[in-house]
PDB file of N, CA and C in Angstrom:
ATOM      1  N   MET A   1       6.889  -9.489  -3.257  1.00  0.00           N
ATOM      2  CA  MET A   1       6.214  -9.078  -2.060  1.00  0.00           C
ATOM      3  C   MET A   1       7.168  -8.461  -1.053  1.00  0.00           C
ATOM      4  N   TRP A   2       8.306  -7.981  -1.562  1.00  0.00           N
ATOM      5  CA  TRP A   2       9.253  -7.310  -0.665  1.00  0.00           C
ATOM      6  C   TRP A   2       8.630  -6.077  -0.025  1.00  0.00           C
ATOM      7  N   THR A   3       7.732  -5.415  -0.721  1.00  0.00           N
ATOM      8  CA  THR A   3       7.055  -4.248  -0.148  1.00  0.00           C
ATOM      9  C   THR A   3       6.308  -4.640   1.116  1.00  0.00           C
ATOM     10  N   VAL A   4       5.591  -5.732   1.077  1.00  0.00           N
ATOM     11  CA  VAL A   4       4.831  -6.198   2.235  1.00  0.00           C
ATOM     12  C   VAL A   4       5.780  -6.649   3.337  1.00  0.00           C
ATOM     13  N   ARG A   5       6.826  -7.353   2.976  1.00  0.00           N
ATOM     14  CA  ARG A   5       7.800  -7.798   3.980  1.00  0.00           C
ATOM     15  C   ARG A   5       8.467  -6.602   4.661  1.00  0.00           C
ATOM     16  N   ASP A   6       8.855  -5.607   3.869  1.00  0.00           N
ATOM     17  CA  ASP A   6       9.467  -4.408   4.441  1.00  0.00           C
ATOM     18  C   ASP A   6       8.490  -3.665   5.341  1.00  0.00           C
ATOM     19  N   ALA A   7       7.245  -3.540   4.897  1.00  0.00           N
ATOM     20  CA  ALA A   7       6.237  -2.851   5.701  1.00  0.00           C
ATOM     21  C   ALA A   7       6.001  -3.590   7.015  1.00  0.00           C
ATOM     22  N   ALA A   8       5.962  -4.904   6.984  1.00  0.00           N
ATOM     23  CA  ALA A   8       5.782  -5.684   8.208  1.00  0.00           C
ATOM     24  C   ALA A   8       6.956  -5.460   9.160  1.00  0.00           C
ATOM     25  N   SER A   9       8.159  -5.342   8.614  1.00  0.00           N
ATOM     26  CA  SER A   9       9.338  -5.070   9.449  1.00  0.00           C
ATOM     27  C   SER A   9       9.236  -3.704  10.121  1.00  0.00           C
ATOM     28  N   VAL A  10       8.736  -2.725   9.390  1.00  0.00           N
ATOM     29  CA  VAL A  10       8.552  -1.390   9.958  1.00  0.00           C
ATOM     30  C   VAL A  10       7.474  -1.426  11.028  1.00  0.00           C
ATOM     31  N   GLU A  11       6.375  -2.101  10.736  1.00  0.00           N
ATOM     32  CA  GLU A  11       5.277  -2.217  11.695  1.00  0.00           C
ATOM     33  C   GLU A  11       5.748  -2.897  12.983  1.00  0.00           C
ATOM     34  N   LYS A  12       6.640  -3.858  12.841  1.00  0.00           N
ATOM     35  CA  LYS A  12       7.183  -4.565  14.001  1.00  0.00           C
ATOM     36  C   LYS A  12       7.903  -3.597  14.950  1.00  0.00           C
ATOM     37  N   GLN A  13       8.393  -2.500  14.389  1.00  0.00           N
ATOM     38  CA  GLN A  13       9.070  -1.461  15.180  1.00  0.00           C
ATOM     39  C   GLN A  13       8.077  -0.449  15.755  1.00  0.00           C
ATOM     40  N   HIS A  14       6.790  -0.738  15.615  1.00  0.00           N
ATOM     41  CA  HIS A  14       5.704   0.111  16.123  1.00  0.00           C
ATOM     42  C   HIS A  14       5.691   1.483  15.459  1.00  0.00           C
ATOM     43  N   LYS A  15       5.966   1.497  14.155  1.00  0.00           N
ATOM     44  CA  LYS A  15       5.924   2.725  13.371  1.00  0.00           C
ATOM     45  C   LYS A  15       4.811   2.621  12.339  1.00  0.00           C
ATOM     46  N   ALA A  16       4.231   3.769  12.030  1.00  0.00           N
ATOM     47  CA  ALA A  16       3.149   3.793  11.033  1.00  0.00           C
ATOM     48  C   ALA A  16       3.708   3.437   9.663  1.00  0.00           C
ATOM     49  N   VAL A  17       2.987   2.566   8.957  1.00  0.00           N
ATOM     50  CA  VAL A  17       3.439   2.141   7.636  1.00  0.00           C
ATOM     51  C   VAL A  17       2.235   1.682   6.813  1.00  0.00           C
ATOM     52  N   VAL A  18       2.346   1.880   5.528  1.00  0.00           N
ATOM     53  CA  VAL A  18       1.349   1.395   4.575  1.00  0.00           C
ATOM     54  C   VAL A  18       2.103   0.737   3.429  1.00  0.00           C
ATOM     55  N   ALA A  19       1.747  -0.479   3.104  1.00  0.00           N
ATOM     56  CA  ALA A  19       2.326  -1.149   1.941  1.00  0.00           C
ATOM     57  C   ALA A  19       1.486  -0.811   0.719  1.00  0.00           C
ATOM     58  N   ALA A  20       2.133  -0.493  -0.376  1.00  0.00           N
ATOM     59  CA  ALA A  20       1.435  -0.175  -1.621  1.00  0.00           C
ATOM     60  C   ALA A  20       1.660  -1.316  -2.614  1.00  0.00           C
ATOM     61  N   VAL A  21       0.555  -1.904  -3.069  1.00  0.00           N
ATOM     62  CA  VAL A  21       0.632  -2.979  -4.053  1.00  0.00           C
ATOM     63  C   VAL A  21      -0.424  -2.741  -5.128  1.00  0.00           C
ATOM     64  N   CYS A  22      -0.206  -3.310  -6.288  1.00  0.00           N
ATOM     65  CA  CYS A  22      -1.213  -3.252  -7.349  1.00  0.00           C
ATOM     66  C   CYS A  22      -2.235  -4.359  -7.120  1.00  0.00           C
ATOM     67  N   ASP A  23      -3.441  -4.140  -7.615  1.00  0.00           N
ATOM     68  CA  ASP A  23      -4.519  -5.094  -7.349  1.00  0.00           C
ATOM     69  C   ASP A  23      -4.212  -6.507  -7.834  1.00  0.00           C
ATOM     70  N   GLU A  24      -3.353  -6.630  -8.805  1.00  0.00           N
ATOM     71  CA  GLU A  24      -2.934  -7.946  -9.296  1.00  0.00           C
ATOM     72  C   GLU A  24      -2.279  -8.774  -8.181  1.00  0.00           C
ATOM     73  N   PHE A  25      -1.660  -8.083  -7.212  1.00  0.00           N
ATOM     74  CA  PHE A  25      -0.900  -8.748  -6.156  1.00  0.00           C
ATOM     75  C   PHE A  25      -1.535  -8.602  -4.779  1.00  0.00           C
ATOM     76  N   GLN A  26      -2.749  -8.100  -4.722  1.00  0.00           N
ATOM     77  CA  GLN A  26      -3.414  -7.848  -3.450  1.00  0.00           C
ATOM     78  C   GLN A  26      -3.551  -9.113  -2.607  1.00  0.00           C
ATOM     79  N   SER A  27      -4.070 -10.172  -3.177  1.00  0.00           N
ATOM     80  CA  SER A  27      -4.264 -11.421  -2.413  1.00  0.00           C
ATOM     81  C   SER A  27      -2.942 -11.959  -1.899  1.00  0.00           C
ATOM     82  N   HIS A  28      -1.951 -11.971  -2.765  1.00  0.00           N
ATOM     83  CA  HIS A  28      -0.628 -12.469  -2.359  1.00  0.00           C
ATOM     84  C   HIS A  28      -0.050 -11.593  -1.246  1.00  0.00           C
ATOM     85  N   GLY A  29      -0.230 -10.279  -1.365  1.00  0.00           N
ATOM     86  CA  GLY A  29       0.266  -9.371  -0.336  1.00  0.00           C
ATOM     87  C   GLY A  29      -0.392  -9.602   1.009  1.00  0.00           C
ATOM     88  N   ARG A  30      -1.703  -9.764   1.000  1.00  0.00           N
ATOM     89  CA  ARG A  30      -2.422 -10.008   2.256  1.00  0.00           C
ATOM     90  C   ARG A  30      -2.031 -11.372   2.856  1.00  0.00           C
ATOM     91  N   ASN A  31      -1.858 -12.364   1.999  1.00  0.00           N
ATOM     92  CA  ASN A  31      -1.415 -13.688   2.482  1.00  0.00           C
ATOM     93  C   ASN A  31      -0.014 -13.605   3.075  1.00  0.00           C
ATOM     94  N   THR A  32       0.864 -12.857   2.440  1.00  0.00           N
ATOM     95  CA  THR A  32       2.234 -12.678   2.941  1.00  0.00           C
ATOM     96  C   THR A  32       2.213 -11.996   4.300  1.00  0.00           C
ATOM     97  N   ALA A  33       1.438 -10.920   4.423  1.00  0.00           N
ATOM     98  CA  ALA A  33       1.341 -10.196   5.696  1.00  0.00           C
ATOM     99  C   ALA A  33       0.818 -11.116   6.794  1.00  0.00           C
ATOM    100  N   ARG A  34      -0.204 -11.878   6.478  1.00  0.00           N
ATOM    101  CA  ARG A  34      -0.795 -12.805   7.451  1.00  0.00           C
ATOM    102  C   ARG A  34       0.235 -13.868   7.869  1.00  0.00           C
ATOM    103  N   ALA A  35       0.962 -14.399   6.904  1.00  0.00           N
ATOM    104  CA  ALA A  35       1.967 -15.428   7.192  1.00  0.00           C
ATOM    105  C   ALA A  35       3.108 -14.877   8.048  1.00  0.00           C
ATOM    106  N   MET A  36       3.354 -13.585   7.950  1.00  0.00           N
ATOM    107  CA  MET A  36       4.409 -12.945   8.739  1.00  0.00           C
ATOM    108  C   MET A  36       3.907 -12.497  10.114  1.00  0.00           C
ATOM    109  N   GLY A  37       2.640 -12.784  10.404  1.00  0.00           N
ATOM    110  CA  GLY A  37       2.095 -12.400  11.691  1.00  0.00           C
ATOM    111  C   GLY A  37       1.555 -10.983  11.746  1.00  0.00           C
ATOM    112  N   HIS A  38       1.262 -10.405  10.583  1.00  0.00           N
ATOM    113  CA  HIS A  38       0.734  -9.040  10.496  1.00  0.00           C
ATOM    114  C   HIS A  38      -0.557  -9.026   9.672  1.00  0.00           C
ATOM    115  N   PRO A  39      -1.589  -9.720  10.152  1.00  0.00           N
ATOM    116  CA  PRO A  39      -2.816  -9.836   9.364  1.00  0.00           C
ATOM    117  C   PRO A  39      -3.546  -8.509   9.152  1.00  0.00           C
ATOM    118  N   ASP A  40      -3.269  -7.524   9.998  1.00  0.00           N
ATOM    119  CA  ASP A  40      -3.932  -6.227   9.881  1.00  0.00           C
ATOM    120  C   ASP A  40      -3.047  -5.163   9.243  1.00  0.00           C
ATOM    121  N   LEU A  41      -1.966  -5.592   8.583  1.00  0.00           N
ATOM    122  CA  LEU A  41      -1.075  -4.638   7.912  1.00  0.00           C
ATOM    123  C   LEU A  41      -1.891  -3.782   6.947  1.00  0.00           C
ATOM    124  N   LYS A  42      -1.673  -2.493   6.990  1.00  0.00           N
ATOM    125  CA  LYS A  42      -2.402  -1.581   6.104  1.00  0.00           C
ATOM    126  C   LYS A  42      -1.806  -1.679   4.703  1.00  0.00           C
ATOM    127  N   ILE A  43      -2.668  -1.965   3.745  1.00  0.00           N
ATOM    128  CA  ILE A  43      -2.241  -2.127   2.356  1.00  0.00           C
ATOM    129  C   ILE A  43      -3.094  -1.225   1.473  1.00  0.00           C
ATOM    130  N   LEU A  44      -2.428  -0.394   0.696  1.00  0.00           N
ATOM    131  CA  LEU A  44      -3.097   0.477  -0.270  1.00  0.00           C
ATOM    132  C   LEU A  44      -2.995  -0.198  -1.627  1.00  0.00           C
ATOM    133  N   VAL A  45      -4.132  -0.443  -2.252  1.00  0.00           N
ATOM    134  CA  VAL A  45      -4.172  -1.221  -3.488  1.00  0.00           C
ATOM    135  C   VAL A  45      -4.399  -0.296  -4.684  1.00  0.00           C
ATOM    136  N   PHE A  46      -3.402  -0.254  -5.555  1.00  0.00           N
ATOM    137  CA  PHE A  46      -3.451   0.551  -6.774  1.00  0.00           C
ATOM    138  C   PHE A  46      -3.941  -0.285  -7.952  1.00  0.00           C
ATOM    139  N   PRO A  47      -4.463   0.381  -8.983  1.00  0.00           N
ATOM    140  CA  PRO A  47      -4.866  -0.360 -10.179  1.00  0.00           C
ATOM    141  C   PRO A  47      -3.642  -0.932 -10.900  1.00  0.00           C
ATOM    142  N   TYR A  48      -3.883  -1.996 -11.631  1.00  0.00           N
ATOM    143  CA  TYR A  48      -2.806  -2.663 -12.379  1.00  0.00           C
ATOM    144  C   TYR A  48      -3.131  -2.625 -13.861  1.00  0.00           C
ATOM    145  N   PRO A  49      -2.156  -2.379 -14.687  1.00  0.00           N
ATOM    146  CA  PRO A  49      -0.756  -2.051 -14.421  1.00  0.00           C
ATOM    147  C   PRO A  49      -0.573  -0.534 -14.296  1.00  0.00           C
ATOM    148  N   LEU A  50       0.489  -0.136 -13.673  1.00  0.00           N
ATOM    149  CA  LEU A  50       0.821   1.292 -13.574  1.00  0.00           C
ATOM    150  C   LEU A  50       1.847   1.703 -14.632  1.00  0.00           C
ATOM    151  N   GLU A  51       2.786   0.821 -14.918  1.00  0.00           N
ATOM    152  CA  GLU A  51       3.920   1.204 -15.776  1.00  0.00           C
ATOM    153  C   GLU A  51       3.524   1.562 -17.212  1.00  0.00           C
ATOM    154  N   SER A  52       2.390   1.118 -17.671  1.00  0.00           N
ATOM    155  CA  SER A  52       2.004   1.400 -19.058  1.00  0.00           C
ATOM    156  C   SER A  52       1.082   2.619 -19.184  1.00  0.00           C
ATOM    157  N   ARG A  53       0.800   3.275 -18.081  1.00  0.00           N
ATOM    158  CA  ARG A  53      -0.118   4.426 -18.108  1.00  0.00           C
ATOM    159  C   ARG A  53       0.626   5.703 -18.446  1.00  0.00           C
ATOM    160  N   ASP A  54      -0.102   6.623 -19.081  1.00  0.00           N
ATOM    161  CA  ASP A  54       0.527   7.906 -19.410  1.00  0.00           C
ATOM    162  C   ASP A  54       0.548   8.803 -18.172  1.00  0.00           C
ATOM    163  N   GLU A  55       1.278   9.900 -18.277  1.00  0.00           N
ATOM    164  CA  GLU A  55       1.488  10.786 -17.135  1.00  0.00           C
ATOM    165  C   GLU A  55       0.174  11.349 -16.587  1.00  0.00           C
ATOM    166  N   ALA A  56      -0.729  11.728 -17.455  1.00  0.00           N
ATOM    167  CA  ALA A  56      -2.012  12.287 -17.006  1.00  0.00           C
ATOM    168  C   ALA A  56      -2.792  11.267 -16.180  1.00  0.00           C
ATOM    169  N   ASP A  57      -2.788  10.029 -16.613  1.00  0.00           N
ATOM    170  CA  ASP A  57      -3.499   8.983 -15.883  1.00  0.00           C
ATOM    171  C   ASP A  57      -2.831   8.721 -14.530  1.00  0.00           C
ATOM    172  N   LEU A  58      -1.503   8.723 -14.511  1.00  0.00           N
ATOM    173  CA  LEU A  58      -0.784   8.523 -13.251  1.00  0.00           C
ATOM    174  C   LEU A  58      -1.055   9.657 -12.265  1.00  0.00           C
ATOM    175  N   LEU A  59      -1.125  10.876 -12.765  1.00  0.00           N
ATOM    176  CA  LEU A  59      -1.441  12.012 -11.892  1.00  0.00           C
ATOM    177  C   LEU A  59      -2.857  11.886 -11.328  1.00  0.00           C
ATOM    178  N   ARG A  60      -3.785  11.446 -12.151  1.00  0.00           N
ATOM    179  CA  ARG A  60      -5.156  11.244 -11.684  1.00  0.00           C
ATOM    180  C   ARG A  60      -5.196  10.179 -10.592  1.00  0.00           C
ATOM    181  N   ILE A  61      -4.467   9.103 -10.798  1.00  0.00           N
ATOM    182  CA  ILE A  61      -4.404   8.030  -9.801  1.00  0.00           C
ATOM    183  C   ILE A  61      -3.774   8.544  -8.507  1.00  0.00           C
ATOM    184  N   ALA A  62      -2.700   9.313  -8.633  1.00  0.00           N
ATOM    185  CA  ALA A  62      -2.047   9.871  -7.441  1.00  0.00           C
ATOM    186  C   ALA A  62      -3.001  10.760  -6.657  1.00  0.00           C
ATOM    187  N   GLU A  63      -3.742  11.596  -7.353  1.00  0.00           N
ATOM    188  CA  GLU A  63      -4.698  12.478  -6.680  1.00  0.00           C
ATOM    189  C   GLU A  63      -5.820  11.682  -6.015  1.00  0.00           C
ATOM    190  N   GLU A  64      -6.225  10.604  -6.638  1.00  0.00           N
ATOM    191  CA  GLU A  64      -7.288   9.771  -6.079  1.00  0.00           C
ATOM    192  C   GLU A  64      -6.819   9.000  -4.849  1.00  0.00           C
ATOM    193  N   PHE A  65      -5.593   8.488  -4.890  1.00  0.00           N
ATOM    194  CA  PHE A  65      -5.125   7.597  -3.841  1.00  0.00           C
ATOM    195  C   PHE A  65      -4.411   8.302  -2.691  1.00  0.00           C
ATOM    196  N   TYR A  66      -3.968   9.540  -2.891  1.00  0.00           N
ATOM    197  CA  TYR A  66      -3.274  10.254  -1.816  1.00  0.00           C
ATOM    198  C   TYR A  66      -4.139  10.370  -0.558  1.00  0.00           C
ATOM    199  N   PRO A  67      -5.397  10.789  -0.658  1.00  0.00           N
ATOM    200  CA  PRO A  67      -6.223  10.853   0.557  1.00  0.00           C
ATOM    201  C   PRO A  67      -6.399   9.489   1.234  1.00  0.00           C
ATOM    202  N   LYS A  68      -6.450   8.441   0.448  1.00  0.00           N
ATOM    203  CA  LYS A  68      -6.572   7.093   1.017  1.00  0.00           C
ATOM    204  C   LYS A  68      -5.314   6.722   1.796  1.00  0.00           C
ATOM    205  N   PHE A  69      -4.158   7.107   1.230  1.00  0.00           N
ATOM    206  CA  PHE A  69      -2.887   6.854   1.923  1.00  0.00           C
ATOM    207  C   PHE A  69      -2.838   7.617   3.248  1.00  0.00           C
ATOM    208  N   ILE A  70      -3.211   8.896   3.218  1.00  0.00           N
ATOM    209  CA  ILE A  70      -3.195   9.719   4.417  1.00  0.00           C
ATOM    210  C   ILE A  70      -4.098   9.122   5.497  1.00  0.00           C
ATOM    211  N   GLU A  71      -5.258   8.652   5.084  1.00  0.00           N
ATOM    212  CA  GLU A  71      -6.185   8.023   6.028  1.00  0.00           C
ATOM    213  C   GLU A  71      -5.589   6.756   6.619  1.00  0.00           C
ATOM    214  N   LEU A  72      -5.005   5.902   5.784  1.00  0.00           N
ATOM    215  CA  LEU A  72      -4.430   4.652   6.276  1.00  0.00           C
ATOM    216  C   LEU A  72      -3.240   4.877   7.206  1.00  0.00           C
ATOM    217  N   ILE A  73      -2.417   5.858   6.889  1.00  0.00           N
ATOM    218  CA  ILE A  73      -1.214   6.091   7.698  1.00  0.00           C
ATOM    219  C   ILE A  73      -1.570   6.773   9.021  1.00  0.00           C
ATOM    220  N   GLY A  74      -2.790   7.343   9.065  1.00  0.00           N
ATOM    221  CA  GLY A  74      -3.237   7.981  10.293  1.00  0.00           C
ATOM    222  C   GLY A  74      -2.786   9.412  10.444  1.00  0.00           C
ATOM    223  N   ALA A  75      -2.409  10.029   9.338  1.00  0.00           N
ATOM    224  CA  ALA A  75      -1.959  11.419   9.370  1.00  0.00           C
ATOM    225  C   ALA A  75      -3.152  12.351   9.189  1.00  0.00           C
ATOM    226  N   VAL A  76      -2.979  13.554   9.630  1.00  0.00           N
ATOM    227  CA  VAL A  76      -4.009  14.572   9.450  1.00  0.00           C
ATOM    228  C   VAL A  76      -3.634  15.371   8.213  1.00  0.00           C
ATOM    229  N   ARG A  77      -4.554  15.445   7.296  1.00  0.00           N
ATOM    230  CA  ARG A  77      -4.293  16.166   6.046  1.00  0.00           C
ATOM    231  C   ARG A  77      -4.506  17.663   6.284  1.00  0.00           C
ATOM    232  N   PRO A  78      -3.529  18.488   5.851  1.00  0.00           N
ATOM    233  CA  PRO A  78      -3.655  19.942   6.039  1.00  0.00           C
ATOM    234  C   PRO A  78      -4.797  20.532   5.263  1.00  0.00           C
TER     235      PRO A  78
END
């Protein structure tokens, strides 16, 4: 859960941040964020597992999740 801990540290600095975790670790990530005092930490949840997927599937996932990331981070998509 270092991703969540790092994201909480960035958020503490009042900077936009999104933690990315796989759905297998979603509950643990949200519990970690809450325990660190960041219950509203933005978390983007990817399907699990990622490492065993082929390149085409990973590209499809990236295309699907990129707009979600942009929305969570609060950026305006060109």
